[in-house]
Amino acid sequence: MARDWSSSMEPLFEEQPTLLKPSASKYSCCIFKVPKSLVQINEKAYEPQIVSIGPYHHGKERLNMIEQHKPRFFSTLLERTKDSGVGLDQYFNAVASKENKIRGCYSSELLSWESSDLVKMMVLDACFIVEMFRIFGSVIEHDRNDPFLGMQWIFTFMIKDFLRIENQIPFFVLQEVFDLSKGDTAEEAAKGSLTELALRFFNITVPRPQEHLKKFAGSPNVKHLLDLFRLSFVAHLNGEPTGHVAEKDLQFIPSATQLLLSGVKFKRNDSSNLLDIQFNNGVLQIPPLTLDDFMSSSLFNCVAFEQCYCHCCKDITSYITFMRCLVSTEMDVELLFKKQLIVNYLGSNAEVATLFNDLFRDIGFDITTSYLAKIFSQVNIYHKNQWHVRWAGIKREYFGSPWSFISAVAAFVLLVLTVFQAFYAVFAYYRPPK
């Protein structure tokens, strides 16, 4: 008797994926769970340590300490805005009206979240973040005895948690709460937009000139805080033509020590943008990179976002790939440190080399579309030129130290004197003095 295979398959046909929605590749879907392959490399980089933002880590016991303070900050905000007619219902109704849009931002189905619970979480999380930005931006007065201000370790972990890919809420929710709570006065508007306050907040840990941050104050289509932080590095690079690049030269470049042997010079680029790498006449100019726990965590999460979100540029991934090429061993780290291109607060040189190796592991990268494609090509062409290799060897051999330089000069003078001696001997033979 023939088996009825269709009856066993019909429930599967009707079942919709929940871990990764079919709509996860849409432009609107921008908050992802990190792929397991990346989590296995560095789980700590993606796991919030002190505060839960959004649904993915909500309710975890170890994050309850900050969770208990969120209603307190919301209450303080309500006290401040009630005179302008904005009360609790206004915040909840504004966020509730965007519930479907909010759900569409997450790559996993939020089936376990009732509407009321989801809206409450979004309001509390958004108010907490906005209040943090205002407090640390000196926009509102605050109690100096508040543990959030008096205990430095809380801020240290919190600022990293705000930039974890799984710990995000949509930026339009933050904007909605910010607009409702800011008031209508010109004085309030002059204190800064949401993007300005957010970038100023992160600038506490990654200092950059205020004029640089102002360029990104009105960045359109920001998805969430991690995306805003990422855009503050990459936005100016978008759309720049790379020009024609020969395919044979479009390959990964050798390490820093290998490039040095072929005559490439390394120079500090004082650009305010970390990604502004240039190569001219054999000189590779790189902005200094300060490596600490915050920066390493941020880079891991920026790369993870670019790997998951197909509608953004991959400039952080390109930068990490380029730096991974340069940093292959501890000797490469030492070289870049001496050239003031890397400031290492992570520990040993080996830890820096391991960091770049981990950042680069198991990621997809298309060198042909990279903003650094032209730099990859130019460096490879220079490296393959044998004249540059020989000339670099001569300089190391004869001009690498003061003693070798003096020896080279002495040899040259001796050679010149020998030539003159030979010349006068021959001259005197054929034209003897009368």
Protein backbone atom coordinates (compact mmCIF):
# COMPACT_ATOMS: atom_id res chain seq x y z
CA MET A 1 0.00 0.00 0.00
CA ALA A 2 1.34 3.42 -0.97
CA ARG A 3 2.26 5.73 1.90
CA ASP A 4 0.63 9.15 2.12
CA TRP A 5 3.71 11.39 2.24
CA SER A 6 1.76 14.62 1.77
CA SER A 7 0.00 14.31 5.15
CA SER A 8 3.33 14.21 6.96
CA MET A 9 4.61 17.27 5.07
CA GLU A 10 1.56 19.53 5.29
CA PRO A 11 2.25 20.65 8.91
CA LEU A 12 5.81 21.58 7.90
CA PHE A 13 4.54 23.57 4.92
CA GLU A 14 2.25 25.54 7.20
CA GLU A 15 4.87 26.11 9.90
CA GLN A 16 6.69 29.43 9.61
CA PRO A 17 10.37 29.80 10.62
CA THR A 18 10.76 31.74 13.87
CA LEU A 19 14.51 31.79 14.56
CA LEU A 20 15.17 33.62 11.30
CA LYS A 21 12.06 35.09 9.72
CA PRO A 22 11.56 34.84 5.94
CA SER A 23 11.43 38.66 6.01
CA ALA A 24 14.81 38.95 7.79
CA SER A 25 16.51 40.23 4.63
CA LYS A 26 14.10 43.14 4.19
CA TYR A 27 15.39 46.69 4.49
CA SER A 28 13.29 47.26 7.62
CA CYS A 29 14.71 44.24 9.48
CA CYS A 30 17.88 45.46 11.18
CA ILE A 31 18.22 43.88 14.66
CA PHE A 32 19.71 40.40 14.56
CA LYS A 33 20.83 37.55 16.71
CA VAL A 34 24.52 36.91 16.15
CA PRO A 35 25.28 33.81 14.05
CA LYS A 36 26.52 30.93 16.20
CA SER A 37 29.77 30.74 14.21
CA LEU A 38 30.65 34.28 15.37
CA VAL A 39 29.44 33.73 18.93
CA GLN A 40 31.78 30.75 19.29
CA ILE A 41 34.75 32.96 18.45
CA ASN A 42 34.02 35.57 21.13
CA GLU A 43 30.76 35.15 23.03
CA LYS A 44 31.60 37.89 25.52
CA ALA A 45 31.66 40.53 22.77
CA TYR A 46 27.94 40.12 22.00
CA GLU A 47 26.50 39.32 25.45
CA PRO A 48 25.22 42.30 27.51
CA GLN A 49 26.97 42.47 30.86
CA ILE A 50 24.81 44.84 32.90
CA VAL A 51 21.76 46.16 31.02
CA SER A 52 19.19 44.56 28.72
CA ILE A 53 17.87 46.66 25.85
CA GLY A 54 15.18 45.15 23.65
CA PRO A 55 13.61 41.68 23.77
CA TYR A 56 16.49 39.28 23.10
CA HIS A 57 18.05 39.44 26.59
CA HIS A 58 15.12 40.83 28.55
CA GLY A 59 14.37 39.11 31.83
CA LYS A 60 17.79 37.54 32.40
CA GLU A 61 18.43 37.47 36.12
CA ARG A 62 21.96 38.82 35.98
CA LEU A 63 20.66 41.97 34.25
CA ASN A 64 17.95 42.71 36.81
CA MET A 65 19.92 45.32 38.74
CA ILE A 66 19.62 47.96 36.01
CA GLU A 67 16.14 46.72 35.05
CA GLN A 68 14.89 47.69 38.51
CA HIS A 69 16.04 51.30 37.96
CA LYS A 70 14.31 51.87 34.61
CA PRO A 71 10.89 52.76 36.13
CA ARG A 72 12.67 55.29 38.36
CA PHE A 73 14.12 57.10 35.36
CA PHE A 74 10.77 56.98 33.54
CA SER A 75 9.05 58.49 36.59
CA THR A 76 11.59 61.32 36.69
CA LEU A 77 11.02 61.99 33.00
CA LEU A 78 7.23 62.07 33.52
CA GLU A 79 7.64 64.60 36.33
CA ARG A 80 9.56 66.82 33.97
CA THR A 81 7.13 66.61 31.03
CA LYS A 82 3.74 66.59 32.78
CA ASP A 83 3.55 70.41 32.79
CA SER A 84 3.77 70.40 29.00
CA GLY A 85 0.83 68.00 28.82
CA VAL A 86 2.84 64.86 28.03
CA GLY A 87 1.94 62.07 30.39
CA LEU A 88 2.35 58.31 30.63
CA ASP A 89 -0.44 57.55 28.15
CA GLN A 90 1.13 59.70 25.45
CA TYR A 91 4.37 57.70 25.58
CA PHE A 92 2.62 54.34 25.57
CA ASN A 93 0.16 55.27 22.81
CA ALA A 94 2.92 56.68 20.60
CA VAL A 95 4.97 53.48 20.83
CA ALA A 96 1.91 51.20 20.62
CA SER A 97 0.97 52.78 17.29
CA LYS A 98 4.26 51.48 15.88
CA GLU A 99 4.07 47.94 17.24
CA ASN A 100 3.95 46.17 13.86
CA LYS A 101 6.83 48.27 12.59
CA ILE A 102 8.81 47.43 15.74
CA ARG A 103 8.22 43.69 15.34
CA GLY A 104 9.37 43.93 11.74
CA CYS A 105 12.77 45.24 12.86
CA TYR A 106 13.73 41.95 14.56
CA SER A 107 15.06 38.97 12.64
CA SER A 108 13.47 36.50 15.07
CA GLU A 109 9.72 36.27 15.62
CA LEU A 110 8.64 37.81 18.93
CA LEU A 111 5.77 35.36 19.34
CA SER A 112 6.15 35.11 23.10
CA TRP A 113 5.72 38.85 23.53
CA GLU A 114 2.20 40.14 24.18
CA SER A 115 1.50 43.59 22.75
CA SER A 116 1.26 45.27 26.15
CA ASP A 117 4.53 43.72 27.39
CA LEU A 118 6.40 44.64 24.22
CA VAL A 119 5.19 48.24 24.31
CA LYS A 120 6.02 48.61 28.03
CA MET A 121 9.52 47.26 27.50
CA MET A 122 10.12 49.59 24.55
CA VAL A 123 8.95 52.66 26.49
CA LEU A 124 11.05 51.86 29.57
CA ASP A 125 14.16 51.03 27.53
CA ALA A 126 13.83 54.11 25.31
CA CYS A 127 13.23 56.45 28.25
CA PHE A 128 16.21 54.99 30.11
CA ILE A 129 18.54 55.50 27.13
CA VAL A 130 17.30 59.02 26.41
CA GLU A 131 17.70 60.01 30.06
CA MET A 132 21.25 58.63 30.12
CA PHE A 133 22.11 60.73 27.06
CA ARG A 134 20.66 63.85 28.66
CA ILE A 135 22.35 63.28 32.01
CA PHE A 136 25.81 62.59 30.60
CA GLY A 137 25.32 65.38 28.06
CA SER A 138 24.60 67.83 30.92
CA VAL A 139 21.22 68.65 29.38
CA ILE A 140 19.27 68.06 32.60
CA GLU A 141 20.19 68.38 36.24
CA HIS A 142 20.82 65.18 38.11
CA ASP A 143 21.47 63.86 41.58
CA ARG A 144 25.21 63.54 42.02
CA ASN A 145 24.65 60.78 44.55
CA ASP A 146 22.91 58.64 41.96
CA PRO A 147 24.83 55.33 41.70
CA PHE A 148 24.72 55.58 37.91
CA LEU A 149 26.97 58.61 38.17
CA GLY A 150 28.99 57.78 41.26
CA MET A 151 29.98 54.23 40.32
CA GLN A 152 32.32 54.32 37.32
CA TRP A 153 32.06 50.58 36.65
CA ILE A 154 28.35 50.92 35.82
CA PHE A 155 29.04 53.42 33.05
CA THR A 156 31.97 51.35 31.75
CA PHE A 157 29.76 48.31 31.16
CA MET A 158 26.64 50.25 30.17
CA ILE A 159 28.22 52.13 27.29
CA LYS A 160 29.47 48.85 25.81
CA ASP A 161 26.07 47.23 26.25
CA PHE A 162 24.39 50.07 24.33
CA LEU A 163 26.42 49.01 21.27
CA ARG A 164 25.79 45.26 21.21
CA ILE A 165 23.98 44.03 18.13
CA GLU A 166 21.46 41.91 20.06
CA ASN A 167 20.85 44.71 22.57
CA GLN A 168 19.09 47.24 20.35
CA ILE A 169 15.70 48.86 19.90
CA PRO A 170 14.68 50.70 16.71
CA PHE A 171 15.99 54.24 16.46
CA PHE A 172 12.52 55.56 15.56
CA VAL A 173 11.31 54.44 19.02
CA LEU A 174 14.12 56.44 20.67
CA GLN A 175 13.29 59.40 18.43
CA GLU A 176 9.58 59.22 19.35
CA VAL A 177 10.32 59.25 23.08
CA PHE A 178 12.96 61.96 22.67
CA ASP A 179 10.57 64.23 20.74
CA LEU A 180 7.77 63.77 23.27
CA SER A 181 10.06 64.58 26.20
CA LYS A 182 12.13 67.47 24.87
CA GLY A 183 9.54 70.26 24.98
CA ASP A 184 8.95 72.91 22.32
CA THR A 185 11.26 75.71 23.48
CA ALA A 186 14.19 77.00 21.45
CA GLU A 187 16.37 76.51 24.50
CA GLU A 188 15.55 72.80 24.52
CA ALA A 189 16.26 72.47 20.80
CA ALA A 190 19.63 74.20 21.19
CA LYS A 191 20.79 71.49 23.60
CA GLY A 192 21.16 69.07 20.72
CA SER A 193 19.28 66.51 18.67
CA LEU A 194 19.04 62.86 19.65
CA THR A 195 21.88 61.88 17.31
CA GLU A 196 24.08 64.67 18.69
CA LEU A 197 23.49 63.61 22.28
CA ALA A 198 24.06 59.95 21.43
CA LEU A 199 27.34 60.63 19.65
CA ARG A 200 28.47 62.90 22.49
CA PHE A 201 27.70 60.07 24.92
CA PHE A 202 29.88 57.58 23.01
CA ASN A 203 32.49 60.28 22.52
CA ILE A 204 33.28 60.00 26.24
CA THR A 205 35.01 56.70 25.48
CA VAL A 206 36.11 57.29 21.86
CA PRO A 207 37.07 60.98 21.78
CA ARG A 208 36.69 62.67 18.41
CA PRO A 209 36.48 66.37 17.47
CA GLN A 210 33.02 67.88 17.91
CA GLU A 211 33.09 69.24 14.35
CA HIS A 212 33.54 65.68 13.11
CA LEU A 213 30.51 64.45 15.06
CA LYS A 214 28.34 67.33 13.85
CA LYS A 215 28.68 66.02 10.29
CA PHE A 216 26.64 63.00 11.32
CA ALA A 217 24.12 64.75 13.58
CA GLY A 218 21.47 64.51 10.87
CA SER A 219 22.34 61.08 9.50
CA PRO A 220 19.24 59.75 7.71
CA ASN A 221 17.85 56.23 8.00
CA VAL A 222 19.65 55.37 11.24
CA LYS A 223 18.52 51.90 12.32
CA HIS A 224 19.64 51.87 15.96
CA LEU A 225 22.46 53.07 18.22
CA LEU A 226 25.01 50.56 16.92
CA ASP A 227 24.24 51.68 13.37
CA LEU A 228 24.60 55.36 14.35
CA PHE A 229 27.99 54.69 15.93
CA ARG A 230 29.06 52.76 12.82
CA LEU A 231 27.83 55.51 10.48
CA SER A 232 29.91 58.09 12.35
CA PHE A 233 32.95 56.26 10.95
CA VAL A 234 31.78 55.21 7.50
CA ALA A 235 29.20 57.71 6.22
CA HIS A 236 31.73 60.02 4.53
CA LEU A 237 33.18 57.10 2.56
CA ASN A 238 29.98 56.07 0.77
CA GLY A 239 29.87 56.68 -2.94
CA GLU A 240 33.56 57.44 -3.43
CA PRO A 241 34.72 55.94 -6.75
CA THR A 242 37.61 53.49 -6.53
CA GLY A 243 38.62 53.84 -10.18
CA HIS A 244 39.79 51.00 -12.40
CA VAL A 245 41.60 48.27 -10.48
CA ALA A 246 43.33 45.37 -12.24
CA GLU A 247 42.00 42.03 -11.00
CA LYS A 248 45.50 40.50 -10.73
CA ASP A 249 46.50 43.14 -8.19
CA LEU A 250 43.25 42.98 -6.23
CA GLN A 251 44.43 40.58 -3.55
CA PHE A 252 45.13 40.61 0.17
CA ILE A 253 48.31 42.51 1.00
CA PRO A 254 51.35 41.14 2.90
CA SER A 255 51.93 41.83 6.58
CA ALA A 256 53.43 45.06 7.90
CA THR A 257 56.92 43.58 8.40
CA GLN A 258 56.89 42.11 4.87
CA LEU A 259 55.81 45.44 3.40
CA LEU A 260 58.60 47.19 5.31
CA LEU A 261 61.13 44.85 3.66
CA SER A 262 59.82 45.90 0.24
CA GLY A 263 60.30 49.58 1.02
CA VAL A 264 56.80 50.59 2.16
CA LYS A 265 56.90 53.34 4.78
CA PHE A 266 54.30 53.64 7.54
CA LYS A 267 53.10 57.05 8.62
CA ARG A 268 50.50 58.24 11.10
CA ASN A 269 47.46 59.87 9.48
CA ASP A 270 45.97 62.46 11.82
CA SER A 271 42.55 62.28 10.18
CA SER A 272 39.62 62.35 12.61
CA ASN A 273 38.21 59.29 10.88
CA LEU A 274 39.60 55.88 11.77
CA LEU A 275 38.90 54.44 8.31
CA ASP A 276 40.75 57.12 6.34
CA ILE A 277 43.63 54.97 5.03
CA GLN A 278 45.77 56.38 2.18
CA PHE A 279 48.71 55.18 0.11
CA ASN A 280 50.92 57.52 -1.92
CA ASN A 281 54.45 57.07 -3.30
CA GLY A 282 55.20 54.09 -1.12
CA VAL A 283 53.87 55.69 2.09
CA LEU A 284 50.96 53.98 3.84
CA GLN A 285 49.13 56.50 6.02
CA ILE A 286 46.89 55.03 8.71
CA PRO A 287 44.96 56.86 11.47
CA PRO A 288 45.97 55.66 14.96
CA LEU A 289 43.79 52.92 16.43
CA THR A 290 43.35 52.80 20.21
CA LEU A 291 42.58 49.24 21.22
CA ASP A 292 40.81 48.69 24.53
CA ASP A 293 37.83 46.65 25.73
CA PHE A 294 35.31 49.19 24.42
CA MET A 295 36.79 49.47 20.94
CA SER A 296 37.30 45.74 20.53
CA SER A 297 33.69 45.06 21.60
CA SER A 298 32.37 47.77 19.26
CA LEU A 299 34.35 46.42 16.29
CA PHE A 300 33.04 42.89 16.84
CA ASN A 301 29.46 44.15 16.89
CA CYS A 302 29.86 46.48 13.90
CA VAL A 303 31.29 43.62 11.84
CA ALA A 304 28.47 41.31 12.97
CA PHE A 305 25.88 43.91 11.93
CA GLU A 306 27.47 44.33 8.50
CA GLN A 307 27.52 40.56 8.08
CA CYS A 308 23.81 40.28 8.91
CA TYR A 309 22.33 43.41 7.32
CA CYS A 310 22.55 43.24 3.55
CA HIS A 311 21.40 46.84 2.96
CA CYS A 312 24.42 48.62 4.43
CA CYS A 313 27.99 49.18 3.29
CA LYS A 314 30.69 46.85 4.59
CA ASP A 315 33.31 49.49 5.36
CA ILE A 316 34.11 48.36 8.92
CA THR A 317 34.56 44.83 7.57
CA SER A 318 36.89 46.21 4.88
CA TYR A 319 38.91 48.10 7.48
CA ILE A 320 39.23 45.04 9.72
CA THR A 321 40.29 42.90 6.73
CA PHE A 322 42.97 45.42 5.77
CA MET A 323 44.30 45.64 9.31
CA ARG A 324 44.23 41.85 9.66
CA CYS A 325 46.45 41.65 6.58
CA LEU A 326 48.92 44.04 8.21
CA VAL A 327 48.80 42.38 11.63
CA SER A 328 49.80 38.77 11.25
CA THR A 329 52.26 38.34 14.11
CA GLU A 330 53.47 40.05 17.26
CA MET A 331 56.28 41.62 15.22
CA ASP A 332 53.70 43.38 13.07
CA VAL A 333 51.99 44.77 16.17
CA GLU A 334 55.36 45.97 17.50
CA LEU A 335 56.12 47.71 14.21
CA LEU A 336 52.77 49.51 14.08
CA PHE A 337 53.12 50.44 17.76
CA LYS A 338 56.53 52.02 17.11
CA LYS A 339 55.03 53.96 14.20
CA GLN A 340 52.27 55.21 16.56
CA LEU A 341 49.57 53.54 14.49
CA ILE A 342 48.33 51.28 17.31
CA VAL A 343 47.83 52.21 20.96
CA ASN A 344 47.52 48.97 22.90
CA TYR A 345 45.51 48.85 26.13
CA LEU A 346 44.55 45.21 25.68
CA GLY A 347 47.77 43.74 27.03
CA SER A 348 50.48 41.98 25.04
CA ASN A 349 51.21 42.25 21.34
CA ALA A 350 50.02 38.66 21.01
CA GLU A 351 46.56 39.69 22.28
CA VAL A 352 46.31 42.37 19.58
CA ALA A 353 47.29 39.89 16.86
CA THR A 354 44.70 37.44 18.23
CA LEU A 355 42.04 40.17 18.24
CA PHE A 356 42.43 40.91 14.54
CA ASN A 357 42.53 37.21 13.75
CA ASP A 358 39.25 36.68 15.66
CA LEU A 359 37.58 39.72 14.08
CA PHE A 360 38.41 38.41 10.61
CA ARG A 361 37.54 34.76 11.21
CA ASP A 362 34.45 33.33 9.48
CA ILE A 363 33.32 36.61 7.90
CA GLY A 364 32.30 37.18 4.31
CA PHE A 365 34.30 39.81 2.43
CA ASP A 366 34.17 40.94 -1.19
CA ILE A 367 37.38 42.77 -2.01
CA THR A 368 36.02 44.03 -5.34
CA THR A 369 33.38 46.20 -3.64
CA SER A 370 35.59 47.33 -0.76
CA TYR A 371 36.19 51.05 -0.28
CA LEU A 372 39.86 50.04 0.10
CA ALA A 373 40.02 48.11 -3.19
CA LYS A 374 42.29 50.73 -4.76
CA ILE A 375 44.59 50.73 -1.72
CA PHE A 376 44.86 46.92 -1.79
CA SER A 377 45.84 47.13 -5.46
CA GLN A 378 48.34 50.00 -5.08
CA VAL A 379 50.12 48.35 -2.16
CA ASN A 380 50.39 45.04 -4.02
CA ILE A 381 51.81 46.73 -7.14
CA TYR A 382 54.39 48.56 -5.04
CA HIS A 383 55.30 45.39 -3.13
CA LYS A 384 55.82 43.37 -6.32
CA ASN A 385 58.20 45.95 -7.83
CA GLN A 386 61.69 44.40 -7.50
CA TRP A 387 63.40 47.78 -7.65
CA HIS A 388 61.63 48.83 -4.46
CA VAL A 389 62.71 45.59 -2.79
CA ARG A 390 66.37 46.01 -3.82
CA TRP A 391 66.48 49.68 -2.87
CA ALA A 392 64.93 48.92 0.52
CA GLY A 393 67.59 46.23 1.04
CA ILE A 394 70.36 48.70 0.18
CA LYS A 395 68.99 51.25 2.62
CA ARG A 396 68.80 48.67 5.39
CA GLU A 397 72.27 47.38 4.65
CA TYR A 398 74.08 50.67 4.34
CA PHE A 399 71.87 53.26 5.98
CA GLY A 400 70.13 51.25 8.70
CA SER A 401 72.31 52.64 11.52
CA PRO A 402 74.80 55.51 12.01
CA TRP A 403 77.78 53.11 11.92
CA SER A 404 76.70 51.44 8.69
CA PHE A 405 76.10 54.89 7.21
CA ILE A 406 79.61 56.07 8.25
CA SER A 407 81.10 52.89 6.81
CA ALA A 408 79.23 53.44 3.54
CA VAL A 409 80.44 57.06 3.33
CA ALA A 410 84.02 56.04 4.12
CA ALA A 411 83.89 53.34 1.43
CA PHE A 412 82.49 55.84 -1.06
CA VAL A 413 85.24 58.41 -0.25
CA LEU A 414 87.89 55.70 -0.56
CA LEU A 415 86.45 54.68 -3.92
CA VAL A 416 86.50 58.29 -5.15
CA LEU A 417 90.12 58.79 -3.99
CA THR A 418 91.15 55.52 -5.69
CA VAL A 419 89.54 56.67 -8.95
CA PHE A 420 91.33 60.03 -8.76
CA GLN A 421 94.63 58.31 -7.99
CA ALA A 422 94.22 55.99 -10.97
CA PHE A 423 93.25 58.89 -13.22
CA TYR A 424 96.31 60.99 -12.33
CA ALA A 425 98.63 58.00 -12.69
CA VAL A 426 97.34 57.36 -16.23
CA PHE A 427 97.34 61.06 -17.04
CA ALA A 428 100.95 61.43 -15.87
CA TYR A 429 102.01 58.46 -18.03
CA TYR A 430 100.60 59.80 -21.26
CA ARG A 431 101.38 63.43 -20.61
CA PRO A 432 104.49 63.59 -18.46
CA PRO A 433 105.53 66.99 -17.10
CA LYS A 434 108.06 68.87 -19.22
